[in-house]
Amino acid sequence: FGEPQIEQYQPVYDGALDTNNLESIYALFRDYPPEGYHGHRMGLGDVVELYDGISEFYYCDRIGFQPVVFTLREQPQLQEPSM
């Protein structure tokens, strides 16, 4: 089905965790979601963002986590009214 598109995702949790291990994060959000988590139990098709100065995204696939690069589409520039 191609690469996941950033428009298909919305943040459901933003906070610091005690780990950057993707399998541990998966287990946490599948079995014991932290307070403030507003999503479903983590599963296939979900994306995790790790942030340590730069963002890295990982797609939850049948065989584990795969790195994914989201390219942000340029927003059209609004023209200011002229007089």
PDB file of N, CA and C in Angstrom:
ATOM      1  N   PHE A   1       0.813  -1.212   0.000  1.00  0.00           N
ATOM      2  CA  PHE A   1       0.000   0.000   0.000  1.00  0.00           C
ATOM      3  C   PHE A   1       0.847   1.263   0.000  1.00  0.00           C
ATOM      4  N   GLY A   2       2.143   1.124  -0.126  1.00  0.00           N
ATOM      5  CA  GLY A   2       3.016   2.291  -0.144  1.00  0.00           C
ATOM      6  C   GLY A   2       3.349   2.775   1.255  1.00  0.00           C
ATOM      7  N   GLU A   3       4.076   3.856   1.289  1.00  0.00           N
ATOM      8  CA  GLU A   3       4.495   4.450   2.556  1.00  0.00           C
ATOM      9  C   GLU A   3       3.301   5.092   3.258  1.00  0.00           C
ATOM     10  N   PRO A   4       3.295   5.068   4.608  1.00  0.00           N
ATOM     11  CA  PRO A   4       2.232   5.787   5.325  1.00  0.00           C
ATOM     12  C   PRO A   4       2.325   7.285   5.053  1.00  0.00           C
ATOM     13  N   GLN A   5       1.196   7.937   5.043  1.00  0.00           N
ATOM     14  CA  GLN A   5       1.138   9.382   4.803  1.00  0.00           C
ATOM     15  C   GLN A   5       0.852  10.097   6.123  1.00  0.00           C
ATOM     16  N   ILE A   6       1.585  11.152   6.380  1.00  0.00           N
ATOM     17  CA  ILE A   6       1.466  11.871   7.650  1.00  0.00           C
ATOM     18  C   ILE A   6       0.036  12.366   7.887  1.00  0.00           C
ATOM     19  N   GLU A   7      -0.703  12.645   6.802  1.00  0.00           N
ATOM     20  CA  GLU A   7      -2.071  13.148   6.945  1.00  0.00           C
ATOM     21  C   GLU A   7      -3.007  12.100   7.551  1.00  0.00           C
ATOM     22  N   GLN A   8      -2.611  10.839   7.527  1.00  0.00           N
ATOM     23  CA  GLN A   8      -3.447   9.764   8.041  1.00  0.00           C
ATOM     24  C   GLN A   8      -3.297   9.570   9.547  1.00  0.00           C
ATOM     25  N   TYR A   9      -2.439  10.343  10.183  1.00  0.00           N
ATOM     26  CA  TYR A   9      -2.142  10.146  11.600  1.00  0.00           C
ATOM     27  C   TYR A   9      -2.422  11.399  12.400  1.00  0.00           C
ATOM     28  N   GLN A  10      -2.745  11.185  13.670  1.00  0.00           N
ATOM     29  CA  GLN A  10      -2.905  12.299  14.598  1.00  0.00           C
ATOM     30  C   GLN A  10      -2.244  11.910  15.912  1.00  0.00           C
ATOM     31  N   PRO A  11      -1.651  12.861  16.612  1.00  0.00           N
ATOM     32  CA  PRO A  11      -1.017  12.550  17.893  1.00  0.00           C
ATOM     33  C   PRO A  11      -2.048  12.102  18.921  1.00  0.00           C
ATOM     34  N   VAL A  12      -1.704  11.059  19.692  1.00  0.00           N
ATOM     35  CA  VAL A  12      -2.583  10.597  20.763  1.00  0.00           C
ATOM     36  C   VAL A  12      -1.878  10.632  22.112  1.00  0.00           C
ATOM     37  N   TYR A  13      -0.574  10.882  22.089  1.00  0.00           N
ATOM     38  CA  TYR A  13       0.179  11.005  23.334  1.00  0.00           C
ATOM     39  C   TYR A  13       1.441  11.798  23.052  1.00  0.00           C
ATOM     40  N   ASP A  14       1.763  12.710  23.945  1.00  0.00           N
ATOM     41  CA  ASP A  14       2.990  13.496  23.839  1.00  0.00           C
ATOM     42  C   ASP A  14       3.579  13.579  25.235  1.00  0.00           C
ATOM     43  N   GLY A  15       4.641  12.849  25.452  1.00  0.00           N
ATOM     44  CA  GLY A  15       5.254  12.860  26.770  1.00  0.00           C
ATOM     45  C   GLY A  15       6.555  12.087  26.772  1.00  0.00           C
ATOM     46  N   ALA A  16       7.304  12.266  27.823  1.00  0.00           N
ATOM     47  CA  ALA A  16       8.583  11.570  27.978  1.00  0.00           C
ATOM     48  C   ALA A  16       8.342  10.182  28.569  1.00  0.00           C
ATOM     49  N   LEU A  17       9.065   9.203  28.047  1.00  0.00           N
ATOM     50  CA  LEU A  17       9.007   7.844  28.565  1.00  0.00           C
ATOM     51  C   LEU A  17      10.383   7.471  29.091  1.00  0.00           C
ATOM     52  N   ASP A  18      10.454   6.390  29.847  1.00  0.00           N
ATOM     53  CA  ASP A  18      11.728   5.939  30.408  1.00  0.00           C
ATOM     54  C   ASP A  18      12.559   5.141  29.414  1.00  0.00           C
ATOM     55  N   THR A  19      12.090   4.994  28.183  1.00  0.00           N
ATOM     56  CA  THR A  19      12.784   4.169  27.207  1.00  0.00           C
ATOM     57  C   THR A  19      12.582   4.695  25.794  1.00  0.00           C
ATOM     58  N   ASN A  20      13.530   4.379  24.932  1.00  0.00           N
ATOM     59  CA  ASN A  20      13.392   4.614  23.497  1.00  0.00           C
ATOM     60  C   ASN A  20      13.336   3.283  22.759  1.00  0.00           C
ATOM     61  N   ASN A  21      13.241   2.181  23.496  1.00  0.00           N
ATOM     62  CA  ASN A  21      13.170   0.858  22.901  1.00  0.00           C
ATOM     63  C   ASN A  21      11.765   0.666  22.337  1.00  0.00           C
ATOM     64  N   LEU A  22      11.685   0.476  21.027  1.00  0.00           N
ATOM     65  CA  LEU A  22      10.385   0.418  20.362  1.00  0.00           C
ATOM     66  C   LEU A  22       9.516  -0.744  20.838  1.00  0.00           C
ATOM     67  N   GLU A  23      10.125  -1.892  21.108  1.00  0.00           N
ATOM     68  CA  GLU A  23       9.339  -3.037  21.594  1.00  0.00           C
ATOM     69  C   GLU A  23       8.777  -2.760  22.987  1.00  0.00           C
ATOM     70  N   SER A  24       9.540  -2.072  23.825  1.00  0.00           N
ATOM     71  CA  SER A  24       9.052  -1.700  25.160  1.00  0.00           C
ATOM     72  C   SER A  24       7.922  -0.680  25.065  1.00  0.00           C
ATOM     73  N   ILE A  25       8.054   0.259  24.142  1.00  0.00           N
ATOM     74  CA  ILE A  25       7.007   1.257  23.934  1.00  0.00           C
ATOM     75  C   ILE A  25       5.737   0.568  23.442  1.00  0.00           C
ATOM     76  N   TYR A  26       5.901  -0.380  22.525  1.00  0.00           N
ATOM     77  CA  TYR A  26       4.753  -1.140  22.019  1.00  0.00           C
ATOM     78  C   TYR A  26       4.033  -1.850  23.167  1.00  0.00           C
ATOM     79  N   ALA A  27       4.789  -2.553  24.000  1.00  0.00           N
ATOM     80  CA  ALA A  27       4.190  -3.290  25.123  1.00  0.00           C
ATOM     81  C   ALA A  27       3.482  -2.339  26.086  1.00  0.00           C
ATOM     82  N   LEU A  28       4.098  -1.205  26.358  1.00  0.00           N
ATOM     83  CA  LEU A  28       3.503  -0.227  27.267  1.00  0.00           C
ATOM     84  C   LEU A  28       2.155   0.266  26.743  1.00  0.00           C
ATOM     85  N   PHE A  29       2.132   0.690  25.483  1.00  0.00           N
ATOM     86  CA  PHE A  29       0.911   1.276  24.933  1.00  0.00           C
ATOM     87  C   PHE A  29      -0.112   0.220  24.524  1.00  0.00           C
ATOM     88  N   ARG A  30       0.277  -1.022  24.500  1.00  0.00           N
ATOM     89  CA  ARG A  30      -0.672  -2.101  24.250  1.00  0.00           C
ATOM     90  C   ARG A  30      -1.307  -2.562  25.557  1.00  0.00           C
ATOM     91  N   ASP A  31      -0.488  -2.677  26.634  1.00  0.00           N
ATOM     92  CA  ASP A  31      -0.967  -3.287  27.879  1.00  0.00           C
ATOM     93  C   ASP A  31      -1.238  -2.308  29.011  1.00  0.00           C
ATOM     94  N   TYR A  32      -0.419  -1.276  29.154  1.00  0.00           N
ATOM     95  CA  TYR A  32      -0.528  -0.350  30.299  1.00  0.00           C
ATOM     96  C   TYR A  32      -0.358   1.099  29.841  1.00  0.00           C
ATOM     97  N   PRO A  33      -1.294   1.609  29.047  1.00  0.00           N
ATOM     98  CA  PRO A  33      -1.133   2.974  28.542  1.00  0.00           C
ATOM     99  C   PRO A  33      -0.962   3.983  29.666  1.00  0.00           C
ATOM    100  N   PRO A  34      -0.048   4.937  29.498  1.00  0.00           N
ATOM    101  CA  PRO A  34       0.167   5.952  30.536  1.00  0.00           C
ATOM    102  C   PRO A  34      -0.997   6.932  30.610  1.00  0.00           C
ATOM    103  N   GLU A  35      -1.096   7.589  31.725  1.00  0.00           N
ATOM    104  CA  GLU A  35      -2.128   8.608  31.904  1.00  0.00           C
ATOM    105  C   GLU A  35      -1.935   9.685  30.840  1.00  0.00           C
ATOM    106  N   GLY A  36      -3.017  10.113  30.273  1.00  0.00           N
ATOM    107  CA  GLY A  36      -2.958  11.129  29.232  1.00  0.00           C
ATOM    108  C   GLY A  36      -2.947  10.548  27.830  1.00  0.00           C
ATOM    109  N   TYR A  37      -2.920   9.230  27.730  1.00  0.00           N
ATOM    110  CA  TYR A  37      -2.948   8.570  26.423  1.00  0.00           C
ATOM    111  C   TYR A  37      -4.390   8.486  25.960  1.00  0.00           C
ATOM    112  N   HIS A  38      -4.674   8.983  24.762  1.00  0.00           N
ATOM    113  CA  HIS A  38      -6.046   9.057  24.266  1.00  0.00           C
ATOM    114  C   HIS A  38      -6.265   8.232  23.009  1.00  0.00           C
ATOM    115  N   GLY A  39      -5.531   7.158  22.856  1.00  0.00           N
ATOM    116  CA  GLY A  39      -5.668   6.342  21.654  1.00  0.00           C
ATOM    117  C   GLY A  39      -6.103   4.924  21.975  1.00  0.00           C
ATOM    118  N   HIS A  40      -6.157   4.125  20.936  1.00  0.00           N
ATOM    119  CA  HIS A  40      -6.467   2.710  21.107  1.00  0.00           C
ATOM    120  C   HIS A  40      -5.194   1.969  21.519  1.00  0.00           C
ATOM    121  N   ARG A  41      -5.327   0.708  21.868  1.00  0.00           N
ATOM    122  CA  ARG A  41      -4.141  -0.087  22.174  1.00  0.00           C
ATOM    123  C   ARG A  41      -3.265  -0.139  20.935  1.00  0.00           C
ATOM    124  N   MET A  42      -1.983   0.018  21.133  1.00  0.00           N
ATOM    125  CA  MET A  42      -1.068   0.074  20.003  1.00  0.00           C
ATOM    126  C   MET A  42      -1.104  -1.220  19.209  1.00  0.00           C
ATOM    127  N   GLY A  43      -1.041  -1.088  17.894  1.00  0.00           N
ATOM    128  CA  GLY A  43      -1.072  -2.256  17.034  1.00  0.00           C
ATOM    129  C   GLY A  43      -0.492  -1.953  15.665  1.00  0.00           C
ATOM    130  N   LEU A  44      -0.694  -2.877  14.755  1.00  0.00           N
ATOM    131  CA  LEU A  44      -0.194  -2.730  13.393  1.00  0.00           C
ATOM    132  C   LEU A  44      -0.708  -1.445  12.764  1.00  0.00           C
ATOM    133  N   GLY A  45       0.162  -0.785  12.041  1.00  0.00           N
ATOM    134  CA  GLY A  45      -0.221   0.437  11.350  1.00  0.00           C
ATOM    135  C   GLY A  45      -0.007   1.697  12.144  1.00  0.00           C
ATOM    136  N   ASP A  46       0.292   1.576  13.429  1.00  0.00           N
ATOM    137  CA  ASP A  46       0.548   2.760  14.245  1.00  0.00           C
ATOM    138  C   ASP A  46       1.971   3.256  14.011  1.00  0.00           C
ATOM    139  N   VAL A  47       2.188   4.525  14.305  1.00  0.00           N
ATOM    140  CA  VAL A  47       3.500   5.153  14.130  1.00  0.00           C
ATOM    141  C   VAL A  47       3.957   5.711  15.466  1.00  0.00           C
ATOM    142  N   VAL A  48       5.242   5.498  15.766  1.00  0.00           N
ATOM    143  CA  VAL A  48       5.871   6.050  16.966  1.00  0.00           C
ATOM    144  C   VAL A  48       6.881   7.092  16.520  1.00  0.00           C
ATOM    145  N   GLU A  49       6.868   8.240  17.180  1.00  0.00           N
ATOM    146  CA  GLU A  49       7.876   9.262  16.937  1.00  0.00           C
ATOM    147  C   GLU A  49       8.819   9.288  18.126  1.00  0.00           C
ATOM    148  N   LEU A  50      10.103   9.110  17.855  1.00  0.00           N
ATOM    149  CA  LEU A  50      11.127   9.297  18.881  1.00  0.00           C
ATOM    150  C   LEU A  50      11.765  10.648  18.625  1.00  0.00           C
ATOM    151  N   TYR A  51      11.913  11.417  19.694  1.00  0.00           N
ATOM    152  CA  TYR A  51      12.453  12.762  19.545  1.00  0.00           C
ATOM    153  C   TYR A  51      13.595  12.964  20.520  1.00  0.00           C
ATOM    154  N   ASP A  52      14.769  13.220  19.973  1.00  0.00           N
ATOM    155  CA  ASP A  52      15.954  13.537  20.777  1.00  0.00           C
ATOM    156  C   ASP A  52      16.754  14.581  20.004  1.00  0.00           C
ATOM    157  N   GLY A  53      16.135  15.752  19.866  1.00  0.00           N
ATOM    158  CA  GLY A  53      16.744  16.805  19.071  1.00  0.00           C
ATOM    159  C   GLY A  53      16.263  16.780  17.626  1.00  0.00           C
ATOM    160  N   ILE A  54      16.014  15.601  17.099  1.00  0.00           N
ATOM    161  CA  ILE A  54      15.408  15.441  15.779  1.00  0.00           C
ATOM    162  C   ILE A  54      14.332  14.360  15.891  1.00  0.00           C
ATOM    163  N   SER A  55      13.366  14.406  15.008  1.00  0.00           N
ATOM    164  CA  SER A  55      12.297  13.419  15.016  1.00  0.00           C
ATOM    165  C   SER A  55      12.660  12.226  14.145  1.00  0.00           C
ATOM    166  N   GLU A  56      12.404  11.039  14.671  1.00  0.00           N
ATOM    167  CA  GLU A  56      12.517   9.804  13.909  1.00  0.00           C
ATOM    168  C   GLU A  56      11.181   9.086  14.048  1.00  0.00           C
ATOM    169  N   PHE A  57      10.646   8.594  12.928  1.00  0.00           N
ATOM    170  CA  PHE A  57       9.347   7.935  12.928  1.00  0.00           C
ATOM    171  C   PHE A  57       9.523   6.466  12.591  1.00  0.00           C
ATOM    172  N   TYR A  58       8.718   5.616  13.259  1.00  0.00           N
ATOM    173  CA  TYR A  58       8.766   4.174  13.047  1.00  0.00           C
ATOM    174  C   TYR A  58       7.345   3.647  12.901  1.00  0.00           C
ATOM    175  N   TYR A  59       7.141   2.868  11.853  1.00  0.00           N
ATOM    176  CA  TYR A  59       5.847   2.276  11.515  1.00  0.00           C
ATOM    177  C   TYR A  59       5.783   0.867  12.090  1.00  0.00           C
ATOM    178  N   CYS A  60       4.715   0.540  12.807  1.00  0.00           N
ATOM    179  CA  CYS A  60       4.532  -0.784  13.383  1.00  0.00           C
ATOM    180  C   CYS A  60       4.011  -1.724  12.307  1.00  0.00           C
ATOM    181  N   ASP A  61       4.873  -2.645  11.902  1.00  0.00           N
ATOM    182  CA  ASP A  61       4.578  -3.581  10.826  1.00  0.00           C
ATOM    183  C   ASP A  61       4.462  -4.989  11.399  1.00  0.00           C
ATOM    184  N   ARG A  62       4.071  -5.955  10.583  1.00  0.00           N
ATOM    185  CA  ARG A  62       3.950  -7.347  11.037  1.00  0.00           C
ATOM    186  C   ARG A  62       5.276  -7.902  11.536  1.00  0.00           C
ATOM    187  N   ILE A  63       6.376  -7.396  11.014  1.00  0.00           N
ATOM    188  CA  ILE A  63       7.686  -7.934  11.384  1.00  0.00           C
ATOM    189  C   ILE A  63       8.455  -7.003  12.305  1.00  0.00           C
ATOM    190  N   GLY A  64       7.782  -6.100  12.960  1.00  0.00           N
ATOM    191  CA  GLY A  64       8.449  -5.169  13.877  1.00  0.00           C
ATOM    192  C   GLY A  64       8.269  -3.738  13.407  1.00  0.00           C
ATOM    193  N   PHE A  65       9.163  -2.901  13.821  1.00  0.00           N
ATOM    194  CA  PHE A  65       9.092  -1.481  13.477  1.00  0.00           C
ATOM    195  C   PHE A  65      10.002  -1.184  12.303  1.00  0.00           C
ATOM    196  N   GLN A  66       9.461  -0.433  11.349  1.00  0.00           N
ATOM    197  CA  GLN A  66      10.219  -0.030  10.173  1.00  0.00           C
ATOM    198  C   GLN A  66      10.356   1.488  10.187  1.00  0.00           C
ATOM    199  N   PRO A  67      11.578   2.002   9.950  1.00  0.00           N
ATOM    200  CA  PRO A  67      11.721   3.458   9.881  1.00  0.00           C
ATOM    201  C   PRO A  67      10.918   4.008   8.703  1.00  0.00           C
ATOM    202  N   VAL A  68      10.332   5.143   8.908  1.00  0.00           N
ATOM    203  CA  VAL A  68       9.564   5.796   7.851  1.00  0.00           C
ATOM    204  C   VAL A  68       9.918   7.272   7.858  1.00  0.00           C
ATOM    205  N   VAL A  69       9.999   7.846   6.677  1.00  0.00           N
ATOM    206  CA  VAL A  69      10.301   9.270   6.546  1.00  0.00           C
ATOM    207  C   VAL A  69       9.039   9.960   6.070  1.00  0.00           C
ATOM    208  N   PHE A  70       8.557  10.882   6.869  1.00  0.00           N
ATOM    209  CA  PHE A  70       7.404  11.674   6.472  1.00  0.00           C
ATOM    210  C   PHE A  70       7.916  12.934   5.803  1.00  0.00           C
ATOM    211  N   THR A  71       7.429  13.198   4.619  1.00  0.00           N
ATOM    212  CA  THR A  71       7.762  14.445   3.951  1.00  0.00           C
ATOM    213  C   THR A  71       6.562  15.364   4.076  1.00  0.00           C
ATOM    214  N   LEU A  72       6.792  16.506   4.635  1.00  0.00           N
ATOM    215  CA  LEU A  72       5.710  17.466   4.808  1.00  0.00           C
ATOM    216  C   LEU A  72       5.461  18.173   3.491  1.00  0.00           C
ATOM    217  N   ARG A  73       4.206  18.207   3.103  1.00  0.00           N
ATOM    218  CA  ARG A  73       3.854  18.912   1.883  1.00  0.00           C
ATOM    219  C   ARG A  73       3.825  20.394   2.167  1.00  0.00           C
ATOM    220  N   GLU A  74       4.288  21.166   1.186  1.00  0.00           N
ATOM    221  CA  GLU A  74       4.276  22.618   1.364  1.00  0.00           C
ATOM    222  C   GLU A  74       2.847  23.121   1.374  1.00  0.00           C
ATOM    223  N   GLN A  75       2.574  24.010   2.311  1.00  0.00           N
ATOM    224  CA  GLN A  75       1.262  24.627   2.389  1.00  0.00           C
ATOM    225  C   GLN A  75       1.231  25.771   1.356  1.00  0.00           C
ATOM    226  N   PRO A  76       0.132  25.899   0.642  1.00  0.00           N
ATOM    227  CA  PRO A  76       0.053  26.995  -0.322  1.00  0.00           C
ATOM    228  C   PRO A  76       0.137  28.335   0.402  1.00  0.00           C
ATOM    229  N   GLN A  77       0.877  29.233  -0.187  1.00  0.00           N
ATOM    230  CA  GLN A  77       1.025  30.560   0.398  1.00  0.00           C
ATOM    231  C   GLN A  77      -0.226  31.380   0.101  1.00  0.00           C
ATOM    232  N   LEU A  78      -0.747  32.000   1.146  1.00  0.00           N
ATOM    233  CA  LEU A  78      -1.905  32.873   0.954  1.00  0.00           C
ATOM    234  C   LEU A  78      -1.434  34.203   0.436  1.00  0.00           C
ATOM    235  N   GLN A  79      -2.113  34.685  -0.574  1.00  0.00           N
ATOM    236  CA  GLN A  79      -1.754  35.990  -1.113  1.00  0.00           C
ATOM    237  C   GLN A  79      -2.470  37.058  -0.306  1.00  0.00           C
ATOM    238  N   GLU A  80      -1.727  38.080  -0.002  1.00  0.00           N
ATOM    239  CA  GLU A  80      -2.338  39.187   0.727  1.00  0.00           C
ATOM    240  C   GLU A  80      -3.137  40.041  -0.245  1.00  0.00           C
ATOM    241  N   PRO A  81      -4.268  40.541   0.217  1.00  0.00           N
ATOM    242  CA  PRO A  81      -5.069  41.390  -0.684  1.00  0.00           C
ATOM    243  C   PRO A  81      -4.290  42.627  -1.093  1.00  0.00           C
ATOM    244  N   SER A  82      -4.428  42.999  -2.337  1.00  0.00           N
ATOM    245  CA  SER A  82      -3.764  44.220  -2.811  1.00  0.00           C
ATOM    246  C   SER A  82      -4.817  45.296  -3.021  1.00  0.00           C
ATOM    247  N   MET A  83      -4.386  46.511  -2.880  1.00  0.00           N
ATOM    248  CA  MET A  83      -5.319  47.625  -3.046  1.00  0.00           C
ATOM    249  C   MET A  83      -4.968  48.418  -4.250  1.00  0.00           C
TER     250      MET A  83
END
